[in-house]
Amino acid sequence: MMLNSEIRAAGIIGTGSYLPDIVLTNGYFEERLDTSDEWIVSRTGIRERRKADDCIAASDMATYAALKAIEDANVAPEDIDMIIVATVTPDMLFPSTACIVQKNIGAINASAFDISAACSGFIYGLSIAEKFIKAGNAKYILVIGAEALSKITDYSDRNTCILFGDGAGAAVVAKVEESMGILAAYTGSDGRGGELLKLPAGGSRLPASCETIKNSLHFVKMDGSEVFKFAIKIMGEAAEKALEMCGLNKEDIDYLIPHQANIRIIESATKRLKIPQDKVFINIDKYGNMSAASIAVALDEANKAKKLNKGDIVVLVGFGGGLTWGAVVLKWA
């Protein structure tokens, strides 16, 4: 599409999500590990999480979520100009999960690519989409967060396996009326913290081998205490930075949709931003941490529950491996 000199407002015009049918309760882990429902809930806020069937991959969940978002936006797959999939659990290294989704939904006119920013991925995707829409380089962009984290979770490691779940969420980004939509998109990273949360093997550094498999290097590794300290600090900071970019402050927030990683982290950000609980969307108890899908699914559930009203100032904020972080301020359109 040719560059358009018109400066556009970009916003979300449709959302969708998909959650697998298999539910893993805390009781599942009580029977297998030295842990308890009380301990998990008190430390994380998680009671259940979803697990994809063995034959379901990230692209499958992304496809279902994408079709729902397209329907909600009242557009056709052929109208989509770009597909961005945020994931750390792609079907394979290439082709991209986005290209697989493009084929699945029949978006024959779209370019497609993946981004890897862990739990911040959906925020990064929205930031990219906003700029293409505002520049006039695209009319409709599909941004998807999709994760099959159960495929890279060590279910003998009680420090990580209780945290993660599978799912996908999607949003259609398009031109909206002036002064509405995405008011600011802020992203950041600090590669010095990359060792705190990682999947060590499977790339060019440590290709798959008998040794990597024997040492469980194809599973998520996390320094939980250090990631927690980082998250407590960055969640509130990122939200405040994004608000500052568009001339707003925390008192202007009508609704907060944070990354669902840990209830204590969410409560810390809520306290810093001085937001009442009824203005914060929380679904971590049902789904756990779905990484890049977390905010996307929460956004769709908040939208479908009609918690977002036209003109509301909505803040999406998250953090993840990399280390990465980001926030988007929306005037709901």
C-alpha atoms as a PDB file:
ATOM      1  CA  MET A   1       0.000   0.000   0.000  1.00  0.00           C
ATOM      2  CA  MET A   2       1.363   3.424  -0.920  1.00  0.00           C
ATOM      3  CA  LEU A   3       2.366   5.879   1.780  1.00  0.00           C
ATOM      4  CA  ASN A   4      -0.492   8.221   2.669  1.00  0.00           C
ATOM      5  CA  SER A   5       0.406  11.721   3.812  1.00  0.00           C
ATOM      6  CA  GLU A   6      -2.700  11.839   6.032  1.00  0.00           C
ATOM      7  CA  ILE A   7      -1.886  11.388   9.737  1.00  0.00           C
ATOM      8  CA  ARG A   8      -4.347   8.857  11.088  1.00  0.00           C
ATOM      9  CA  ALA A   9      -5.508   7.789  14.516  1.00  0.00           C
ATOM     10  CA  ALA A  10      -5.023   4.057  15.082  1.00  0.00           C
ATOM     11  CA  GLY A  11      -7.126   1.994  17.441  1.00  0.00           C
ATOM     12  CA  ILE A  12      -8.533  -1.450  18.165  1.00  0.00           C
ATOM     13  CA  ILE A  13     -11.776  -2.205  16.348  1.00  0.00           C
ATOM     14  CA  GLY A  14     -12.178  -5.903  17.187  1.00  0.00           C
ATOM     15  CA  THR A  15     -10.886  -8.522  19.624  1.00  0.00           C
ATOM     16  CA  GLY A  16     -10.954 -12.302  19.946  1.00  0.00           C
ATOM     17  CA  SER A  17      -9.466 -15.086  22.046  1.00  0.00           C
ATOM     18  CA  TYR A  18      -9.143 -18.837  22.361  1.00  0.00           C
ATOM     19  CA  LEU A  19      -8.516 -21.011  25.433  1.00  0.00           C
ATOM     20  CA  PRO A  20      -7.924 -24.780  25.263  1.00  0.00           C
ATOM     21  CA  ASP A  21     -10.469 -27.067  26.921  1.00  0.00           C
ATOM     22  CA  ILE A  22      -8.043 -28.922  29.212  1.00  0.00           C
ATOM     23  CA  VAL A  23      -7.948 -27.355  32.695  1.00  0.00           C
ATOM     24  CA  LEU A  24      -5.086 -27.997  35.120  1.00  0.00           C
ATOM     25  CA  THR A  25      -6.154 -27.115  38.662  1.00  0.00           C
ATOM     26  CA  ASN A  26      -3.804 -26.663  41.574  1.00  0.00           C
ATOM     27  CA  GLY A  27      -4.974 -30.092  42.697  1.00  0.00           C
ATOM     28  CA  TYR A  28      -3.203 -31.550  39.657  1.00  0.00           C
ATOM     29  CA  PHE A  29       0.104 -30.288  41.044  1.00  0.00           C
ATOM     30  CA  GLU A  30      -0.690 -31.213  44.647  1.00  0.00           C
ATOM     31  CA  GLU A  31      -0.919 -34.844  43.544  1.00  0.00           C
ATOM     32  CA  ARG A  32       2.442 -34.772  41.751  1.00  0.00           C
ATOM     33  CA  LEU A  33       4.690 -32.266  43.520  1.00  0.00           C
ATOM     34  CA  ASP A  34       5.563 -31.014  46.975  1.00  0.00           C
ATOM     35  CA  THR A  35       3.149 -28.074  46.870  1.00  0.00           C
ATOM     36  CA  SER A  36      -0.394 -27.127  47.848  1.00  0.00           C
ATOM     37  CA  ASP A  37      -3.330 -25.149  46.551  1.00  0.00           C
ATOM     38  CA  GLU A  38      -2.969 -22.722  49.456  1.00  0.00           C
ATOM     39  CA  TRP A  39       0.728 -22.115  48.711  1.00  0.00           C
ATOM     40  CA  ILE A  40       0.161 -21.568  44.977  1.00  0.00           C
ATOM     41  CA  VAL A  41      -2.784 -19.200  45.474  1.00  0.00           C
ATOM     42  CA  SER A  42      -1.047 -17.167  48.191  1.00  0.00           C
ATOM     43  CA  ARG A  43       2.159 -16.786  46.168  1.00  0.00           C
ATOM     44  CA  THR A  44       0.732 -16.325  42.660  1.00  0.00           C
ATOM     45  CA  GLY A  45      -3.058 -15.914  42.693  1.00  0.00           C
ATOM     46  CA  ILE A  46      -3.390 -18.813  40.233  1.00  0.00           C
ATOM     47  CA  ARG A  47      -6.057 -21.495  40.730  1.00  0.00           C
ATOM     48  CA  GLU A  48      -6.274 -22.940  37.210  1.00  0.00           C
ATOM     49  CA  ARG A  49      -4.494 -22.784  33.881  1.00  0.00           C
ATOM     50  CA  ARG A  50      -5.302 -24.154  30.409  1.00  0.00           C
ATOM     51  CA  LYS A  51      -3.292 -26.774  28.536  1.00  0.00           C
ATOM     52  CA  ALA A  52      -3.393 -27.389  24.811  1.00  0.00           C
ATOM     53  CA  ASP A  53      -3.916 -30.916  23.538  1.00  0.00           C
ATOM     54  CA  ASP A  54      -0.779 -32.612  22.179  1.00  0.00           C
ATOM     55  CA  CYS A  55      -1.919 -32.015  18.586  1.00  0.00           C
ATOM     56  CA  ILE A  56      -2.601 -28.280  19.101  1.00  0.00           C
ATOM     57  CA  ALA A  57       0.181 -25.777  18.303  1.00  0.00           C
ATOM     58  CA  ALA A  58       0.468 -22.026  18.767  1.00  0.00           C
ATOM     59  CA  SER A  59      -0.713 -21.356  15.208  1.00  0.00           C
ATOM     60  CA  ASP A  60      -3.926 -23.305  15.802  1.00  0.00           C
ATOM     61  CA  MET A  61      -4.855 -21.223  18.839  1.00  0.00           C
ATOM     62  CA  ALA A  62      -3.765 -18.039  17.046  1.00  0.00           C
ATOM     63  CA  THR A  63      -6.004 -18.940  14.103  1.00  0.00           C
ATOM     64  CA  TYR A  64      -9.092 -19.389  16.276  1.00  0.00           C
ATOM     65  CA  ALA A  65      -8.456 -16.089  18.085  1.00  0.00           C
ATOM     66  CA  ALA A  66      -7.790 -14.296  14.785  1.00  0.00           C
ATOM     67  CA  LEU A  67     -11.046 -15.436  13.220  1.00  0.00           C
ATOM     68  CA  LYS A  68     -12.992 -14.218  16.254  1.00  0.00           C
ATOM     69  CA  ALA A  69     -11.247 -10.820  16.169  1.00  0.00           C
ATOM     70  CA  ILE A  70     -11.907 -10.428  12.448  1.00  0.00           C
ATOM     71  CA  GLU A  71     -15.570 -11.259  12.977  1.00  0.00           C
ATOM     72  CA  ASP A  72     -15.789  -8.790  15.868  1.00  0.00           C
ATOM     73  CA  ALA A  73     -14.221  -6.087  13.686  1.00  0.00           C
ATOM     74  CA  ASN A  74     -16.659  -6.869  10.862  1.00  0.00           C
ATOM     75  CA  VAL A  75     -13.913  -7.228   8.263  1.00  0.00           C
ATOM     76  CA  ALA A  76     -12.958 -10.068   5.922  1.00  0.00           C
ATOM     77  CA  PRO A  77      -9.659 -11.990   5.980  1.00  0.00           C
ATOM     78  CA  GLU A  78      -8.885 -10.548   2.553  1.00  0.00           C
ATOM     79  CA  ASP A  79      -9.008  -7.052   4.074  1.00  0.00           C
ATOM     80  CA  ILE A  80      -6.092  -7.730   6.434  1.00  0.00           C
ATOM     81  CA  ASP A  81      -2.884  -6.017   5.276  1.00  0.00           C
ATOM     82  CA  MET A  82      -0.525  -7.359   7.944  1.00  0.00           C
ATOM     83  CA  ILE A  83      -0.401 -10.139  10.534  1.00  0.00           C
ATOM     84  CA  ILE A  84       1.876  -9.823  13.557  1.00  0.00           C
ATOM     85  CA  VAL A  85       2.139 -12.808  15.891  1.00  0.00           C
ATOM     86  CA  ALA A  86       3.850 -12.360  19.247  1.00  0.00           C
ATOM     87  CA  THR A  87       5.026 -15.715  20.583  1.00  0.00           C
ATOM     88  CA  VAL A  88       7.917 -17.526  22.257  1.00  0.00           C
ATOM     89  CA  THR A  89       6.415 -20.886  21.334  1.00  0.00           C
ATOM     90  CA  PRO A  90       6.238 -20.782  17.517  1.00  0.00           C
ATOM     91  CA  ASP A  91       5.243 -23.935  15.664  1.00  0.00           C
ATOM     92  CA  MET A  92       8.779 -23.958  14.280  1.00  0.00           C
ATOM     93  CA  LEU A  93      11.588 -21.455  13.739  1.00  0.00           C
ATOM     94  CA  PHE A  94      10.414 -20.901  10.169  1.00  0.00           C
ATOM     95  CA  PRO A  95       8.107 -20.367   8.470  1.00  0.00           C
ATOM     96  CA  SER A  96       6.729 -17.876  10.954  1.00  0.00           C
ATOM     97  CA  THR A  97       3.612 -18.655  12.941  1.00  0.00           C
ATOM     98  CA  ALA A  98       2.109 -15.542  11.344  1.00  0.00           C
ATOM     99  CA  CYS A  99       2.533 -17.042   7.861  1.00  0.00           C
ATOM    100  CA  ILE A 100       0.805 -20.221   9.020  1.00  0.00           C
ATOM    101  CA  VAL A 101      -2.070 -18.144  10.403  1.00  0.00           C
ATOM    102  CA  GLN A 102      -2.243 -16.207   7.133  1.00  0.00           C
ATOM    103  CA  LYS A 103      -2.729 -19.462   5.239  1.00  0.00           C
ATOM    104  CA  ASN A 104      -5.256 -20.780   7.754  1.00  0.00           C
ATOM    105  CA  ILE A 105      -7.555 -17.748   7.634  1.00  0.00           C
ATOM    106  CA  GLY A 106      -7.127 -16.927   3.944  1.00  0.00           C
ATOM    107  CA  ALA A 107      -5.602 -13.479   4.445  1.00  0.00           C
ATOM    108  CA  ILE A 108      -4.135 -13.543   0.944  1.00  0.00           C
ATOM    109  CA  ASN A 109      -3.242  -9.829   0.854  1.00  0.00           C
ATOM    110  CA  ALA A 110      -1.336  -9.689   4.150  1.00  0.00           C
ATOM    111  CA  SER A 111       2.330  -9.562   4.959  1.00  0.00           C
ATOM    112  CA  ALA A 112       3.129 -11.681   8.005  1.00  0.00           C
ATOM    113  CA  PHE A 113       5.863 -11.993  10.618  1.00  0.00           C
ATOM    114  CA  ASP A 114       6.518 -13.022  14.218  1.00  0.00           C
ATOM    115  CA  ILE A 115       8.035 -11.008  17.046  1.00  0.00           C
ATOM    116  CA  SER A 116       9.747 -12.418  20.114  1.00  0.00           C
ATOM    117  CA  ALA A 117       9.451 -10.173  23.154  1.00  0.00           C
ATOM    118  CA  ALA A 118       8.106 -12.794  25.567  1.00  0.00           C
ATOM    119  CA  CYS A 119       5.260 -11.530  27.775  1.00  0.00           C
ATOM    120  CA  SER A 120       5.600  -7.998  26.361  1.00  0.00           C
ATOM    121  CA  GLY A 121       5.034  -9.271  22.823  1.00  0.00           C
ATOM    122  CA  PHE A 122       1.425  -8.154  22.387  1.00  0.00           C
ATOM    123  CA  ILE A 123       2.346  -4.623  23.535  1.00  0.00           C
ATOM    124  CA  TYR A 124       5.250  -4.582  21.070  1.00  0.00           C
ATOM    125  CA  GLY A 125       2.890  -5.779  18.325  1.00  0.00           C
ATOM    126  CA  LEU A 126       0.373  -3.018  19.003  1.00  0.00           C
ATOM    127  CA  SER A 127       3.188  -0.455  18.943  1.00  0.00           C
ATOM    128  CA  ILE A 128       4.309  -1.652  15.508  1.00  0.00           C
ATOM    129  CA  ALA A 129       0.754  -1.802  14.153  1.00  0.00           C
ATOM    130  CA  GLU A 130      -0.045   1.717  15.335  1.00  0.00           C
ATOM    131  CA  LYS A 131       2.804   3.163  13.318  1.00  0.00           C
ATOM    132  CA  PHE A 132       1.855   1.377  10.086  1.00  0.00           C
ATOM    133  CA  ILE A 133      -1.754   2.541  10.409  1.00  0.00           C
ATOM    134  CA  LYS A 134      -0.819   6.137  11.237  1.00  0.00           C
ATOM    135  CA  ALA A 135       1.588   6.291   8.307  1.00  0.00           C
ATOM    136  CA  GLY A 136      -1.099   5.048   5.932  1.00  0.00           C
ATOM    137  CA  ASN A 137       0.883   1.930   5.008  1.00  0.00           C
ATOM    138  CA  ALA A 138      -1.885  -0.432   6.094  1.00  0.00           C
ATOM    139  CA  LYS A 139      -5.622  -0.301   6.669  1.00  0.00           C
ATOM    140  CA  TYR A 140      -6.202  -3.359   8.852  1.00  0.00           C
ATOM    141  CA  ILE A 141      -3.559  -5.115  10.949  1.00  0.00           C
ATOM    142  CA  LEU A 142      -4.102  -8.278  12.947  1.00  0.00           C
ATOM    143  CA  VAL A 143      -2.025  -8.429  16.139  1.00  0.00           C
ATOM    144  CA  ILE A 144      -2.003 -11.795  17.920  1.00  0.00           C
ATOM    145  CA  GLY A 145      -0.449 -13.081  21.132  1.00  0.00           C
ATOM    146  CA  ALA A 146      -0.345 -16.889  21.128  1.00  0.00           C
ATOM    147  CA  GLU A 147       1.459 -19.301  23.424  1.00  0.00           C
ATOM    148  CA  ALA A 148       1.670 -23.066  23.877  1.00  0.00           C
ATOM    149  CA  LEU A 149       3.796 -22.797  26.997  1.00  0.00           C
ATOM    150  CA  SER A 150       2.879 -26.298  28.159  1.00  0.00           C
ATOM    151  CA  LYS A 151       5.171 -27.559  25.363  1.00  0.00           C
ATOM    152  CA  ILE A 152       8.232 -25.927  26.981  1.00  0.00           C
ATOM    153  CA  THR A 153       7.315 -26.328  30.655  1.00  0.00           C
ATOM    154  CA  ASP A 154       9.060 -28.843  32.904  1.00  0.00           C
ATOM    155  CA  TYR A 155       6.234 -30.371  34.932  1.00  0.00           C
ATOM    156  CA  SER A 156       8.723 -31.688  37.494  1.00  0.00           C
ATOM    157  CA  ASP A 157       9.930 -28.143  38.296  1.00  0.00           C
ATOM    158  CA  ARG A 158       7.485 -26.774  40.847  1.00  0.00           C
ATOM    159  CA  ASN A 159       8.974 -23.263  40.599  1.00  0.00           C
ATOM    160  CA  THR A 160       7.828 -22.826  36.994  1.00  0.00           C
ATOM    161  CA  CYS A 161       5.192 -25.438  36.092  1.00  0.00           C
ATOM    162  CA  ILE A 162       2.527 -23.944  38.361  1.00  0.00           C
ATOM    163  CA  LEU A 163       2.784 -20.585  36.590  1.00  0.00           C
ATOM    164  CA  PHE A 164       2.188 -21.122  32.900  1.00  0.00           C
ATOM    165  CA  GLY A 165      -0.843 -21.735  30.716  1.00  0.00           C
ATOM    166  CA  ASP A 166      -1.764 -21.865  27.038  1.00  0.00           C
ATOM    167  CA  GLY A 167      -4.019 -19.580  25.010  1.00  0.00           C
ATOM    168  CA  ALA A 168      -4.279 -16.917  22.331  1.00  0.00           C
ATOM    169  CA  GLY A 169      -5.744 -13.447  21.973  1.00  0.00           C
ATOM    170  CA  ALA A 170      -6.037 -11.157  18.963  1.00  0.00           C
ATOM    171  CA  ALA A 171      -6.924  -7.604  18.040  1.00  0.00           C
ATOM    172  CA  VAL A 172      -7.627  -5.854  14.747  1.00  0.00           C
ATOM    173  CA  VAL A 173      -5.950  -2.440  14.589  1.00  0.00           C
ATOM    174  CA  ALA A 174      -7.311   0.105  12.119  1.00  0.00           C
ATOM    175  CA  LYS A 175      -7.988   3.785  11.558  1.00  0.00           C
ATOM    176  CA  VAL A 176     -10.361   5.281  14.126  1.00  0.00           C
ATOM    177  CA  GLU A 177     -11.825   8.722  14.618  1.00  0.00           C
ATOM    178  CA  GLU A 178      -9.448  11.553  15.479  1.00  0.00           C
ATOM    179  CA  SER A 179      -8.249  11.778  19.112  1.00  0.00           C
ATOM    180  CA  MET A 180      -9.326   8.174  19.781  1.00  0.00           C
ATOM    181  CA  GLY A 181      -7.424   4.883  19.764  1.00  0.00           C
ATOM    182  CA  ILE A 182      -3.774   4.455  20.725  1.00  0.00           C
ATOM    183  CA  LEU A 183      -2.564   7.663  22.367  1.00  0.00           C
ATOM    184  CA  ALA A 184       0.884   6.359  23.319  1.00  0.00           C
ATOM    185  CA  ALA A 185       2.932   3.171  22.985  1.00  0.00           C
ATOM    186  CA  TYR A 186       6.032   2.794  25.111  1.00  0.00           C
ATOM    187  CA  THR A 187       8.458  -0.148  24.920  1.00  0.00           C
ATOM    188  CA  GLY A 188      11.794  -0.892  26.530  1.00  0.00           C
ATOM    189  CA  SER A 189      14.321  -3.635  27.152  1.00  0.00           C
ATOM    190  CA  ASP A 190      17.420  -4.537  29.138  1.00  0.00           C
ATOM    191  CA  GLY A 191      19.355  -7.443  27.667  1.00  0.00           C
ATOM    192  CA  ARG A 192      21.568  -7.594  30.748  1.00  0.00           C
ATOM    193  CA  GLY A 193      18.723  -9.465  32.431  1.00  0.00           C
ATOM    194  CA  GLY A 194      18.335 -12.020  29.686  1.00  0.00           C
ATOM    195  CA  GLU A 195      19.673 -14.857  31.828  1.00  0.00           C
ATOM    196  CA  LEU A 196      16.866 -14.424  34.350  1.00  0.00           C
ATOM    197  CA  LEU A 197      14.178 -15.914  32.111  1.00  0.00           C
ATOM    198  CA  LYS A 198      15.084 -18.010  29.104  1.00  0.00           C
ATOM    199  CA  LEU A 199      14.726 -21.164  27.028  1.00  0.00           C
ATOM    200  CA  PRO A 200      18.392 -22.199  26.754  1.00  0.00           C
ATOM    201  CA  ALA A 201      18.392 -24.781  23.939  1.00  0.00           C
ATOM    202  CA  GLY A 202      16.872 -25.228  20.524  1.00  0.00           C
ATOM    203  CA  GLY A 203      18.504 -22.257  18.796  1.00  0.00           C
ATOM    204  CA  SER A 204      21.890 -21.810  17.134  1.00  0.00           C
ATOM    205  CA  ARG A 205      23.692 -21.441  20.473  1.00  0.00           C
ATOM    206  CA  LEU A 206      22.629 -24.863  21.750  1.00  0.00           C
ATOM    207  CA  PRO A 207      21.060 -26.908  18.948  1.00  0.00           C
ATOM    208  CA  ALA A 208      19.083 -29.962  19.999  1.00  0.00           C
ATOM    209  CA  SER A 209      21.329 -32.829  21.077  1.00  0.00           C
ATOM    210  CA  CYS A 210      21.284 -35.790  23.445  1.00  0.00           C
ATOM    211  CA  GLU A 211      23.077 -33.577  25.953  1.00  0.00           C
ATOM    212  CA  THR A 212      20.586 -30.685  25.827  1.00  0.00           C
ATOM    213  CA  ILE A 213      17.672 -33.086  26.158  1.00  0.00           C
ATOM    214  CA  LYS A 214      19.327 -34.956  29.037  1.00  0.00           C
ATOM    215  CA  ASN A 215      19.881 -31.664  30.890  1.00  0.00           C
ATOM    216  CA  SER A 216      16.307 -30.425  30.290  1.00  0.00           C
ATOM    217  CA  LEU A 217      17.536 -27.361  28.426  1.00  0.00           C
ATOM    218  CA  HIS A 218      14.469 -27.232  26.188  1.00  0.00           C
ATOM    219  CA  PHE A 219      12.333 -26.108  29.139  1.00  0.00           C
ATOM    220  CA  VAL A 220      11.799 -22.619  30.577  1.00  0.00           C
ATOM    221  CA  LYS A 221      14.405 -21.578  33.143  1.00  0.00           C
ATOM    222  CA  MET A 222      13.638 -18.687  35.485  1.00  0.00           C
ATOM    223  CA  ASP A 223      15.178 -16.910  38.441  1.00  0.00           C
ATOM    224  CA  GLY A 224      11.822 -16.221  40.039  1.00  0.00           C
ATOM    225  CA  SER A 225      12.940 -13.890  42.814  1.00  0.00           C
ATOM    226  CA  GLU A 226      14.923 -11.615  40.498  1.00  0.00           C
ATOM    227  CA  VAL A 227      12.167 -11.499  37.867  1.00  0.00           C
ATOM    228  CA  PHE A 228       9.707 -10.624  40.632  1.00  0.00           C
ATOM    229  CA  LYS A 229      11.879  -7.710  41.816  1.00  0.00           C
ATOM    230  CA  PHE A 230      12.199  -6.433  38.253  1.00  0.00           C
ATOM    231  CA  ALA A 231       8.466  -6.726  37.596  1.00  0.00           C
ATOM    232  CA  ILE A 232       7.446  -4.937  40.799  1.00  0.00           C
ATOM    233  CA  LYS A 233       9.529  -1.953  39.695  1.00  0.00           C
ATOM    234  CA  ILE A 234       8.840  -1.840  35.961  1.00  0.00           C
ATOM    235  CA  MET A 235       5.067  -2.360  35.732  1.00  0.00           C
ATOM    236  CA  GLY A 236       4.154   0.940  37.356  1.00  0.00           C
ATOM    237  CA  GLU A 237       7.052   2.787  35.729  1.00  0.00           C
ATOM    238  CA  ALA A 238       6.079   1.672  32.223  1.00  0.00           C
ATOM    239  CA  ALA A 239       2.463   2.713  32.688  1.00  0.00           C
ATOM    240  CA  GLU A 240       3.495   6.126  34.020  1.00  0.00           C
ATOM    241  CA  LYS A 241       5.931   6.632  31.136  1.00  0.00           C
ATOM    242  CA  ALA A 242       3.269   5.871  28.521  1.00  0.00           C
ATOM    243  CA  LEU A 243       0.785   8.207  30.233  1.00  0.00           C
ATOM    244  CA  GLU A 244       3.412  10.959  30.288  1.00  0.00           C
ATOM    245  CA  MET A 245       3.983  10.518  26.537  1.00  0.00           C
ATOM    246  CA  CYS A 246       0.381  11.528  25.802  1.00  0.00           C
ATOM    247  CA  GLY A 247       0.026  14.201  28.478  1.00  0.00           C
ATOM    248  CA  LEU A 248      -2.020  12.145  30.932  1.00  0.00           C
ATOM    249  CA  ASN A 249      -1.414  11.005  34.503  1.00  0.00           C
ATOM    250  CA  LYS A 250      -2.461   8.018  36.594  1.00  0.00           C
ATOM    251  CA  GLU A 251      -5.603   9.782  37.818  1.00  0.00           C
ATOM    252  CA  ASP A 252      -6.867   9.704  34.222  1.00  0.00           C
ATOM    253  CA  ILE A 253      -6.894   5.892  34.000  1.00  0.00           C
ATOM    254  CA  ASP A 254     -10.381   4.411  33.673  1.00  0.00           C
ATOM    255  CA  TYR A 255      -9.268   0.813  33.286  1.00  0.00           C
ATOM    256  CA  LEU A 256      -5.993  -1.099  33.699  1.00  0.00           C
ATOM    257  CA  ILE A 257      -5.287  -4.386  31.929  1.00  0.00           C
ATOM    258  CA  PRO A 258      -1.939  -5.709  33.207  1.00  0.00           C
ATOM    259  CA  HIS A 259       0.066  -8.766  32.235  1.00  0.00           C
ATOM    260  CA  GLN A 260      -1.238 -11.664  34.310  1.00  0.00           C
ATOM    261  CA  ALA A 261       2.000 -13.057  35.757  1.00  0.00           C
ATOM    262  CA  ASN A 262       1.508 -12.880  39.510  1.00  0.00           C
ATOM    263  CA  ILE A 263      -1.255 -11.348  41.621  1.00  0.00           C
ATOM    264  CA  ARG A 264       1.281  -9.692  43.938  1.00  0.00           C
ATOM    265  CA  ILE A 265       2.903  -7.928  40.985  1.00  0.00           C
ATOM    266  CA  ILE A 266      -0.495  -6.738  39.763  1.00  0.00           C
ATOM    267  CA  GLU A 267      -1.405  -5.489  43.250  1.00  0.00           C
ATOM    268  CA  SER A 268       1.902  -3.613  43.500  1.00  0.00           C
ATOM    269  CA  ALA A 269       1.294  -1.834  40.170  1.00  0.00           C
ATOM    270  CA  THR A 270      -2.299  -1.079  41.172  1.00  0.00           C
ATOM    271  CA  LYS A 271      -1.115   0.450  44.439  1.00  0.00           C
ATOM    272  CA  ARG A 272       1.525   2.576  42.726  1.00  0.00           C
ATOM    273  CA  LEU A 273      -0.986   3.853  40.171  1.00  0.00           C
ATOM    274  CA  LYS A 274      -3.633   4.359  42.895  1.00  0.00           C
ATOM    275  CA  ILE A 275      -6.303   2.526  40.932  1.00  0.00           C
ATOM    276  CA  PRO A 276      -9.274   0.897  42.701  1.00  0.00           C
ATOM    277  CA  GLN A 277      -9.607  -2.860  42.219  1.00  0.00           C
ATOM    278  CA  ASP A 278     -12.835  -2.525  40.243  1.00  0.00           C
ATOM    279  CA  LYS A 279     -10.871  -0.712  37.521  1.00  0.00           C
ATOM    280  CA  VAL A 280      -8.289  -3.514  37.130  1.00  0.00           C
ATOM    281  CA  PHE A 281      -8.924  -6.584  34.992  1.00  0.00           C
ATOM    282  CA  ILE A 282      -7.696  -9.810  36.576  1.00  0.00           C
ATOM    283  CA  ASN A 283      -8.058 -13.317  35.172  1.00  0.00           C
ATOM    284  CA  ILE A 284      -4.818 -14.873  36.417  1.00  0.00           C
ATOM    285  CA  ASP A 285      -6.822 -17.139  38.724  1.00  0.00           C
ATOM    286  CA  LYS A 286      -8.346 -18.884  35.672  1.00  0.00           C
ATOM    287  CA  TYR A 287      -5.463 -18.967  33.202  1.00  0.00           C
ATOM    288  CA  GLY A 288      -2.122 -18.346  34.892  1.00  0.00           C
ATOM    289  CA  ASN A 289       0.660 -16.670  32.924  1.00  0.00           C
ATOM    290  CA  MET A 290       0.090 -17.033  29.162  1.00  0.00           C
ATOM    291  CA  SER A 291       3.064 -14.842  28.212  1.00  0.00           C
ATOM    292  CA  ALA A 292       2.313 -12.905  24.995  1.00  0.00           C
ATOM    293  CA  ALA A 293      -1.305 -14.122  25.046  1.00  0.00           C
ATOM    294  CA  SER A 294      -1.957 -12.824  28.556  1.00  0.00           C
ATOM    295  CA  ILE A 295      -2.867  -9.181  27.876  1.00  0.00           C
ATOM    296  CA  ALA A 296      -4.518 -10.069  24.561  1.00  0.00           C
ATOM    297  CA  VAL A 297      -6.900 -12.555  26.195  1.00  0.00           C
ATOM    298  CA  ALA A 298      -7.615 -10.198  29.099  1.00  0.00           C
ATOM    299  CA  LEU A 299      -8.394  -7.370  26.651  1.00  0.00           C
ATOM    300  CA  ASP A 300     -10.851  -9.545  24.748  1.00  0.00           C
ATOM    301  CA  GLU A 301     -12.572 -10.705  27.939  1.00  0.00           C
ATOM    302  CA  ALA A 302     -12.854  -7.119  29.204  1.00  0.00           C
ATOM    303  CA  ASN A 303     -14.252  -6.049  25.827  1.00  0.00           C
ATOM    304  CA  LYS A 304     -16.770  -8.884  25.633  1.00  0.00           C
ATOM    305  CA  ALA A 305     -17.854  -8.216  29.243  1.00  0.00           C
ATOM    306  CA  LYS A 306     -18.539  -4.590  28.219  1.00  0.00           C
ATOM    307  CA  LYS A 307     -16.200  -3.208  30.852  1.00  0.00           C
ATOM    308  CA  LEU A 308     -14.681  -0.812  28.299  1.00  0.00           C
ATOM    309  CA  ASN A 309     -16.767   2.186  27.271  1.00  0.00           C
ATOM    310  CA  LYS A 310     -16.182   4.556  24.389  1.00  0.00           C
ATOM    311  CA  GLY A 311     -13.806   7.300  25.477  1.00  0.00           C
ATOM    312  CA  ASP A 312     -12.372   5.361  28.433  1.00  0.00           C
ATOM    313  CA  ILE A 313      -8.643   5.710  29.033  1.00  0.00           C
ATOM    314  CA  VAL A 314      -7.404   2.117  29.047  1.00  0.00           C
ATOM    315  CA  VAL A 315      -3.817   1.193  29.938  1.00  0.00           C
ATOM    316  CA  LEU A 316      -2.254  -2.112  28.873  1.00  0.00           C
ATOM    317  CA  VAL A 317       1.050  -2.858  30.599  1.00  0.00           C
ATOM    318  CA  GLY A 318       3.394  -5.824  30.738  1.00  0.00           C
ATOM    319  CA  PHE A 319       6.913  -7.155  31.212  1.00  0.00           C
ATOM    320  CA  GLY A 320       8.735 -10.281  30.117  1.00  0.00           C
ATOM    321  CA  GLY A 321      11.906 -12.131  29.270  1.00  0.00           C
ATOM    322  CA  GLY A 322      14.591 -10.243  27.446  1.00  0.00           C
ATOM    323  CA  LEU A 323      14.145  -8.417  29.715  1.00  0.00           C
ATOM    324  CA  THR A 324      11.382  -6.431  28.035  1.00  0.00           C
ATOM    325  CA  TRP A 325       8.527  -4.178  29.068  1.00  0.00           C
ATOM    326  CA  GLY A 326       5.922  -1.930  27.560  1.00  0.00           C
ATOM    327  CA  ALA A 327       2.656  -0.057  27.948  1.00  0.00           C
ATOM    328  CA  VAL A 328      -0.043   1.215  25.631  1.00  0.00           C
ATOM    329  CA  VAL A 329      -2.520   3.978  26.448  1.00  0.00           C
ATOM    330  CA  LEU A 330      -5.825   3.707  24.566  1.00  0.00           C
ATOM    331  CA  LYS A 331      -8.784   5.993  24.337  1.00  0.00           C
ATOM    332  CA  TRP A 332     -11.295   3.241  23.715  1.00  0.00           C
ATOM    333  CA  ALA A 333     -12.924   3.673  20.336  1.00  0.00           C
END
